[in-house]
Amino acid sequence: MKRLGRGVTMQTLGERIKYLRELRQLTQKDLASQAEISVVQLSRYETNDRKPDPEVLRNIVDALDTSADYLLGRTNDPSPAAEKGMSLSFFGGPEAYTADEIAMMEAALKAYREQKKKLLDGDEAKG
């Protein structure tokens, strides 16, 4: 059994998929569409009735902006593998935060970067 932060316990692939989907405020339909699978398939993964094949797992990882290691229970850090090491390292490392806190900080940073890009793209269009 894995413990994530304050009282959040998840031990299965399906529980972790559902947790991140809900944290990212995605419906099953949204995630299924992004992962190029049916809602029925996704539901079966979330309830642990089925296990995704490697290609589908990769699509789910990409859609949830996480790592396969997180979904497979090898780590409690849901951030994508490419961001590990740089994210939160100057704040004491990811182990200093709960999974919820990390996800919220990453979402805020992602939103900031998207807004900044829109503003910069708008300035370039004017000039």
N, C-alpha and C. Protein backbone atom coordinates (compact mmCIF):
# COMPACT_ATOMS: atom_id res chain seq x y z
N MET A 1 0.85 -1.18 0.00
CA MET A 1 0.00 0.00 0.00
C MET A 1 0.89 1.24 0.00
N LYS A 2 0.63 2.19 -0.87
CA LYS A 2 1.40 3.41 -0.98
C LYS A 2 0.67 4.54 -0.27
N ARG A 3 1.43 5.39 0.43
CA ARG A 3 0.86 6.57 1.07
C ARG A 3 1.34 7.80 0.34
N LEU A 4 0.41 8.65 -0.03
CA LEU A 4 0.76 9.89 -0.71
C LEU A 4 0.25 11.06 0.10
N GLY A 5 1.14 11.76 0.73
CA GLY A 5 0.73 12.95 1.46
C GLY A 5 -0.17 12.64 2.63
N ARG A 6 -0.98 13.57 2.96
CA ARG A 6 -1.83 13.51 4.14
C ARG A 6 -3.04 12.63 3.93
N GLY A 7 -2.92 11.36 4.24
CA GLY A 7 -4.06 10.47 4.20
C GLY A 7 -4.47 9.95 2.84
N VAL A 8 -3.76 10.33 1.78
CA VAL A 8 -4.10 9.85 0.44
C VAL A 8 -3.34 8.56 0.20
N THR A 9 -4.05 7.45 0.12
CA THR A 9 -3.42 6.15 -0.06
C THR A 9 -3.88 5.55 -1.38
N MET A 10 -2.92 5.20 -2.22
CA MET A 10 -3.24 4.56 -3.49
C MET A 10 -2.25 3.45 -3.74
N GLN A 11 -2.76 2.33 -4.17
CA GLN A 11 -1.87 1.22 -4.41
C GLN A 11 -1.95 0.66 -5.82
N THR A 12 -2.95 1.03 -6.59
CA THR A 12 -3.11 0.42 -7.90
C THR A 12 -2.96 1.44 -9.02
N LEU A 13 -2.65 0.91 -10.19
CA LEU A 13 -2.57 1.73 -11.40
C LEU A 13 -3.88 2.46 -11.63
N GLY A 14 -4.99 1.76 -11.52
CA GLY A 14 -6.29 2.36 -11.75
C GLY A 14 -6.59 3.51 -10.81
N GLU A 15 -6.24 3.34 -9.54
CA GLU A 15 -6.48 4.40 -8.56
C GLU A 15 -5.65 5.64 -8.88
N ARG A 16 -4.42 5.42 -9.33
CA ARG A 16 -3.56 6.55 -9.67
C ARG A 16 -4.04 7.27 -10.93
N ILE A 17 -4.51 6.52 -11.91
CA ILE A 17 -5.06 7.15 -13.12
C ILE A 17 -6.26 8.00 -12.74
N LYS A 18 -7.18 7.44 -11.97
CA LYS A 18 -8.38 8.17 -11.57
C LYS A 18 -8.03 9.39 -10.73
N TYR A 19 -7.09 9.24 -9.81
CA TYR A 19 -6.68 10.35 -8.94
C TYR A 19 -6.16 11.52 -9.78
N LEU A 20 -5.24 11.24 -10.71
CA LEU A 20 -4.70 12.33 -11.52
C LEU A 20 -5.75 12.90 -12.47
N ARG A 21 -6.60 12.05 -13.01
CA ARG A 21 -7.66 12.55 -13.90
C ARG A 21 -8.53 13.55 -13.16
N GLU A 22 -8.93 13.20 -11.95
CA GLU A 22 -9.78 14.09 -11.16
C GLU A 22 -9.01 15.33 -10.71
N LEU A 23 -7.74 15.17 -10.35
CA LEU A 23 -6.91 16.30 -9.95
C LEU A 23 -6.76 17.30 -11.10
N ARG A 24 -6.65 16.77 -12.31
CA ARG A 24 -6.50 17.63 -13.50
C ARG A 24 -7.87 18.12 -14.02
N GLN A 25 -8.92 17.76 -13.29
CA GLN A 25 -10.29 18.16 -13.62
C GLN A 25 -10.71 17.71 -15.02
N LEU A 26 -10.39 16.46 -15.32
CA LEU A 26 -10.78 15.86 -16.59
C LEU A 26 -11.90 14.86 -16.34
N THR A 27 -12.84 14.80 -17.25
CA THR A 27 -13.86 13.76 -17.19
C THR A 27 -13.26 12.50 -17.81
N GLN A 28 -13.93 11.37 -17.62
CA GLN A 28 -13.46 10.15 -18.28
C GLN A 28 -13.48 10.35 -19.79
N LYS A 29 -14.48 11.04 -20.28
CA LYS A 29 -14.59 11.29 -21.73
C LYS A 29 -13.39 12.11 -22.21
N ASP A 30 -13.01 13.15 -21.45
CA ASP A 30 -11.87 13.99 -21.82
C ASP A 30 -10.59 13.16 -21.91
N LEU A 31 -10.31 12.41 -20.84
CA LEU A 31 -9.07 11.63 -20.81
C LEU A 31 -9.08 10.54 -21.87
N ALA A 32 -10.20 9.88 -22.04
CA ALA A 32 -10.29 8.82 -23.05
C ALA A 32 -9.99 9.39 -24.44
N SER A 33 -10.54 10.55 -24.73
CA SER A 33 -10.30 11.19 -26.02
C SER A 33 -8.82 11.54 -26.20
N GLN A 34 -8.22 12.13 -25.18
CA GLN A 34 -6.81 12.52 -25.26
C GLN A 34 -5.89 11.30 -25.37
N ALA A 35 -6.27 10.21 -24.72
CA ALA A 35 -5.45 8.99 -24.74
C ALA A 35 -5.80 8.08 -25.91
N GLU A 36 -6.77 8.49 -26.72
CA GLU A 36 -7.20 7.74 -27.91
C GLU A 36 -7.70 6.34 -27.56
N ILE A 37 -8.55 6.29 -26.52
CA ILE A 37 -9.18 5.04 -26.11
C ILE A 37 -10.66 5.32 -25.85
N SER A 38 -11.43 4.28 -25.65
CA SER A 38 -12.85 4.48 -25.36
C SER A 38 -13.06 4.76 -23.88
N VAL A 39 -14.18 5.36 -23.56
CA VAL A 39 -14.53 5.62 -22.16
C VAL A 39 -14.66 4.30 -21.41
N VAL A 40 -15.20 3.29 -22.08
CA VAL A 40 -15.35 1.97 -21.45
C VAL A 40 -13.97 1.40 -21.08
N GLN A 41 -13.00 1.52 -22.00
CA GLN A 41 -11.64 1.05 -21.71
C GLN A 41 -11.08 1.77 -20.49
N LEU A 42 -11.20 3.10 -20.49
CA LEU A 42 -10.67 3.88 -19.38
C LEU A 42 -11.32 3.47 -18.07
N SER A 43 -12.61 3.29 -18.09
CA SER A 43 -13.33 2.87 -16.89
C SER A 43 -12.79 1.54 -16.37
N ARG A 44 -12.52 0.64 -17.28
CA ARG A 44 -11.97 -0.68 -16.89
C ARG A 44 -10.57 -0.55 -16.29
N TYR A 45 -9.77 0.39 -16.82
CA TYR A 45 -8.44 0.62 -16.25
C TYR A 45 -8.57 1.20 -14.84
N GLU A 46 -9.47 2.19 -14.69
CA GLU A 46 -9.63 2.85 -13.39
C GLU A 46 -10.17 1.91 -12.32
N THR A 47 -10.95 0.92 -12.72
CA THR A 47 -11.49 -0.04 -11.75
C THR A 47 -10.63 -1.30 -11.66
N ASN A 48 -9.50 -1.27 -12.34
CA ASN A 48 -8.55 -2.39 -12.32
C ASN A 48 -9.10 -3.69 -12.89
N ASP A 49 -10.11 -3.57 -13.76
CA ASP A 49 -10.62 -4.75 -14.45
C ASP A 49 -9.70 -5.16 -15.59
N ARG A 50 -8.96 -4.19 -16.13
CA ARG A 50 -8.03 -4.43 -17.23
C ARG A 50 -6.76 -3.61 -16.98
N LYS A 51 -5.69 -4.01 -17.64
CA LYS A 51 -4.43 -3.27 -17.60
C LYS A 51 -4.13 -2.76 -19.01
N PRO A 52 -3.71 -1.50 -19.16
CA PRO A 52 -3.41 -0.98 -20.50
C PRO A 52 -2.14 -1.58 -21.07
N ASP A 53 -2.12 -1.72 -22.40
CA ASP A 53 -0.89 -2.17 -23.04
C ASP A 53 0.10 -1.00 -23.05
N PRO A 54 1.36 -1.23 -23.37
CA PRO A 54 2.37 -0.17 -23.29
C PRO A 54 2.04 1.09 -24.09
N GLU A 55 1.49 0.93 -25.29
CA GLU A 55 1.16 2.10 -26.11
C GLU A 55 0.05 2.93 -25.46
N VAL A 56 -0.96 2.27 -24.95
CA VAL A 56 -2.06 2.97 -24.28
C VAL A 56 -1.55 3.63 -23.00
N LEU A 57 -0.71 2.94 -22.26
CA LEU A 57 -0.14 3.52 -21.04
C LEU A 57 0.63 4.80 -21.37
N ARG A 58 1.40 4.76 -22.45
CA ARG A 58 2.15 5.94 -22.89
C ARG A 58 1.19 7.09 -23.21
N ASN A 59 0.07 6.80 -23.88
CA ASN A 59 -0.91 7.84 -24.20
C ASN A 59 -1.54 8.42 -22.93
N ILE A 60 -1.82 7.56 -21.96
CA ILE A 60 -2.40 8.03 -20.69
C ILE A 60 -1.38 8.89 -19.95
N VAL A 61 -0.13 8.46 -19.92
CA VAL A 61 0.95 9.23 -19.29
C VAL A 61 1.02 10.62 -19.91
N ASP A 62 1.01 10.69 -21.23
CA ASP A 62 1.08 11.99 -21.92
C ASP A 62 -0.15 12.84 -21.62
N ALA A 63 -1.32 12.25 -21.66
CA ALA A 63 -2.55 13.00 -21.43
C ALA A 63 -2.64 13.53 -20.00
N LEU A 64 -2.10 12.79 -19.04
CA LEU A 64 -2.14 13.22 -17.65
C LEU A 64 -0.90 14.02 -17.24
N ASP A 65 0.03 14.20 -18.18
CA ASP A 65 1.25 14.96 -17.92
C ASP A 65 1.95 14.43 -16.67
N THR A 66 2.22 13.13 -16.68
CA THR A 66 2.85 12.47 -15.54
C THR A 66 3.92 11.52 -16.05
N SER A 67 4.37 10.60 -15.22
CA SER A 67 5.36 9.61 -15.64
C SER A 67 4.78 8.21 -15.49
N ALA A 68 5.28 7.29 -16.28
CA ALA A 68 4.87 5.89 -16.14
C ALA A 68 5.27 5.37 -14.77
N ASP A 69 6.41 5.81 -14.26
CA ASP A 69 6.84 5.37 -12.93
C ASP A 69 5.81 5.73 -11.87
N TYR A 70 5.22 6.92 -11.98
CA TYR A 70 4.19 7.31 -11.00
C TYR A 70 2.97 6.39 -11.13
N LEU A 71 2.47 6.22 -12.34
CA LEU A 71 1.27 5.40 -12.53
C LEU A 71 1.50 3.95 -12.10
N LEU A 72 2.72 3.46 -12.29
CA LEU A 72 3.03 2.08 -11.94
C LEU A 72 3.40 1.91 -10.47
N GLY A 73 3.42 3.00 -9.72
CA GLY A 73 3.69 2.91 -8.28
C GLY A 73 5.15 2.86 -7.91
N ARG A 74 6.03 3.18 -8.86
CA ARG A 74 7.47 3.16 -8.57
C ARG A 74 7.94 4.42 -7.86
N THR A 75 7.14 5.47 -7.94
CA THR A 75 7.44 6.73 -7.27
C THR A 75 6.13 7.37 -6.85
N ASN A 76 6.21 8.25 -5.88
CA ASN A 76 5.03 9.01 -5.45
C ASN A 76 5.05 10.42 -6.03
N ASP A 77 5.99 10.70 -6.91
CA ASP A 77 6.10 12.00 -7.55
C ASP A 77 5.41 11.95 -8.91
N PRO A 78 4.26 12.64 -9.06
CA PRO A 78 3.52 12.56 -10.31
C PRO A 78 4.06 13.42 -11.44
N SER A 79 5.12 14.22 -11.19
CA SER A 79 5.62 15.09 -12.25
C SER A 79 6.26 14.27 -13.37
N PRO A 80 6.18 14.78 -14.60
CA PRO A 80 6.77 14.06 -15.73
C PRO A 80 8.27 13.85 -15.52
N ALA A 81 8.79 12.77 -16.05
CA ALA A 81 10.21 12.43 -15.86
C ALA A 81 11.12 13.55 -16.35
N ALA A 82 10.75 14.23 -17.42
CA ALA A 82 11.58 15.30 -17.97
C ALA A 82 11.73 16.47 -17.02
N GLU A 83 10.76 16.65 -16.11
CA GLU A 83 10.81 17.79 -15.19
C GLU A 83 11.46 17.45 -13.87
N LYS A 84 11.72 16.19 -13.60
CA LYS A 84 12.32 15.80 -12.33
C LYS A 84 13.71 16.41 -12.22
N GLY A 85 14.10 16.77 -11.04
CA GLY A 85 15.42 17.36 -10.84
C GLY A 85 15.38 18.86 -10.89
N MET A 86 14.64 19.44 -11.82
CA MET A 86 14.57 20.90 -11.87
C MET A 86 13.40 21.42 -11.06
N SER A 87 12.29 20.67 -11.01
CA SER A 87 11.13 21.17 -10.30
C SER A 87 11.30 20.97 -8.81
N LEU A 88 11.11 22.02 -8.07
CA LEU A 88 11.12 22.03 -6.61
C LEU A 88 12.48 21.79 -5.98
N SER A 89 13.53 21.58 -6.76
CA SER A 89 14.83 21.27 -6.16
C SER A 89 15.32 22.41 -5.28
N PHE A 90 15.02 23.64 -5.65
CA PHE A 90 15.47 24.77 -4.84
C PHE A 90 14.53 25.06 -3.66
N PHE A 91 13.46 24.30 -3.50
CA PHE A 91 12.56 24.43 -2.36
C PHE A 91 12.63 23.23 -1.44
N GLY A 92 13.72 22.50 -1.45
CA GLY A 92 13.87 21.36 -0.56
C GLY A 92 13.56 20.03 -1.20
N GLY A 93 13.28 20.02 -2.49
CA GLY A 93 13.00 18.77 -3.20
C GLY A 93 11.56 18.33 -3.08
N PRO A 94 11.13 17.45 -3.99
CA PRO A 94 9.73 17.02 -4.02
C PRO A 94 9.29 16.27 -2.77
N GLU A 95 10.24 15.67 -2.05
CA GLU A 95 9.85 14.94 -0.85
C GLU A 95 9.34 15.86 0.26
N ALA A 96 9.54 17.17 0.11
CA ALA A 96 9.07 18.13 1.11
C ALA A 96 7.59 18.47 0.93
N TYR A 97 6.94 17.93 -0.12
CA TYR A 97 5.57 18.30 -0.44
C TYR A 97 4.69 17.08 -0.64
N THR A 98 3.40 17.27 -0.48
CA THR A 98 2.45 16.20 -0.78
C THR A 98 2.24 16.16 -2.29
N ALA A 99 1.67 15.08 -2.78
CA ALA A 99 1.38 14.95 -4.21
C ALA A 99 0.43 16.05 -4.66
N ASP A 100 -0.55 16.39 -3.82
CA ASP A 100 -1.49 17.46 -4.16
C ASP A 100 -0.78 18.80 -4.30
N GLU A 101 0.12 19.11 -3.37
CA GLU A 101 0.85 20.37 -3.42
C GLU A 101 1.72 20.45 -4.67
N ILE A 102 2.37 19.37 -4.99
CA ILE A 102 3.22 19.34 -6.19
C ILE A 102 2.36 19.53 -7.44
N ALA A 103 1.25 18.83 -7.52
CA ALA A 103 0.38 18.95 -8.69
C ALA A 103 -0.16 20.37 -8.83
N MET A 104 -0.52 20.99 -7.72
CA MET A 104 -1.04 22.36 -7.78
C MET A 104 0.05 23.34 -8.23
N MET A 105 1.27 23.18 -7.72
CA MET A 105 2.36 24.06 -8.13
C MET A 105 2.68 23.88 -9.61
N GLU A 106 2.67 22.64 -10.07
CA GLU A 106 2.94 22.38 -11.48
C GLU A 106 1.84 22.96 -12.36
N ALA A 107 0.59 22.84 -11.92
CA ALA A 107 -0.53 23.40 -12.68
C ALA A 107 -0.42 24.92 -12.76
N ALA A 108 -0.04 25.54 -11.65
CA ALA A 108 0.11 27.00 -11.63
C ALA A 108 1.24 27.44 -12.56
N LEU A 109 2.35 26.72 -12.53
CA LEU A 109 3.48 27.05 -13.40
C LEU A 109 3.10 26.86 -14.87
N LYS A 110 2.41 25.78 -15.16
CA LYS A 110 1.97 25.52 -16.54
C LYS A 110 1.03 26.63 -17.02
N ALA A 111 0.09 27.03 -16.18
CA ALA A 111 -0.85 28.10 -16.55
C ALA A 111 -0.10 29.41 -16.77
N TYR A 112 0.86 29.70 -15.91
CA TYR A 112 1.67 30.91 -16.06
C TYR A 112 2.41 30.90 -17.40
N ARG A 113 3.05 29.79 -17.71
CA ARG A 113 3.81 29.70 -18.96
C ARG A 113 2.90 29.83 -20.18
N GLU A 114 1.72 29.23 -20.13
CA GLU A 114 0.77 29.34 -21.24
C GLU A 114 0.31 30.79 -21.41
N GLN A 115 0.01 31.46 -20.30
CA GLN A 115 -0.44 32.85 -20.36
C GLN A 115 0.68 33.74 -20.89
N LYS A 116 1.90 33.51 -20.43
CA LYS A 116 3.05 34.29 -20.89
C LYS A 116 3.24 34.11 -22.40
N LYS A 117 3.12 32.87 -22.88
CA LYS A 117 3.27 32.59 -24.30
C LYS A 117 2.20 33.32 -25.10
N LYS A 118 0.95 33.30 -24.61
CA LYS A 118 -0.13 34.01 -25.31
C LYS A 118 0.16 35.50 -25.38
N LEU A 119 0.64 36.07 -24.28
CA LEU A 119 0.95 37.49 -24.26
C LEU A 119 2.09 37.81 -25.23
N LEU A 120 3.12 37.00 -25.23
CA LEU A 120 4.25 37.23 -26.13
C LEU A 120 3.83 37.04 -27.58
N ASP A 121 3.02 36.04 -27.86
CA ASP A 121 2.54 35.82 -29.23
C ASP A 121 1.67 36.99 -29.68
N GLY A 122 0.89 37.55 -28.77
CA GLY A 122 0.04 38.70 -29.09
C GLY A 122 0.87 39.93 -29.40
N ASP A 123 1.96 40.14 -28.64
CA ASP A 123 2.85 41.27 -28.88
C ASP A 123 3.55 41.15 -30.23
N GLU A 124 3.95 39.94 -30.60
CA GLU A 124 4.62 39.72 -31.88
C GLU A 124 3.67 39.98 -33.04
N ALA A 125 2.40 39.64 -32.87
CA ALA A 125 1.42 39.85 -33.93
C ALA A 125 1.17 41.34 -34.15
N LYS A 126 1.27 42.14 -33.07
CA LYS A 126 1.05 43.59 -33.17
C LYS A 126 2.25 44.29 -33.80
N GLY A 127 3.44 43.78 -33.50
CA GLY A 127 4.66 44.48 -33.91
C GLY A 127 5.14 44.04 -35.20
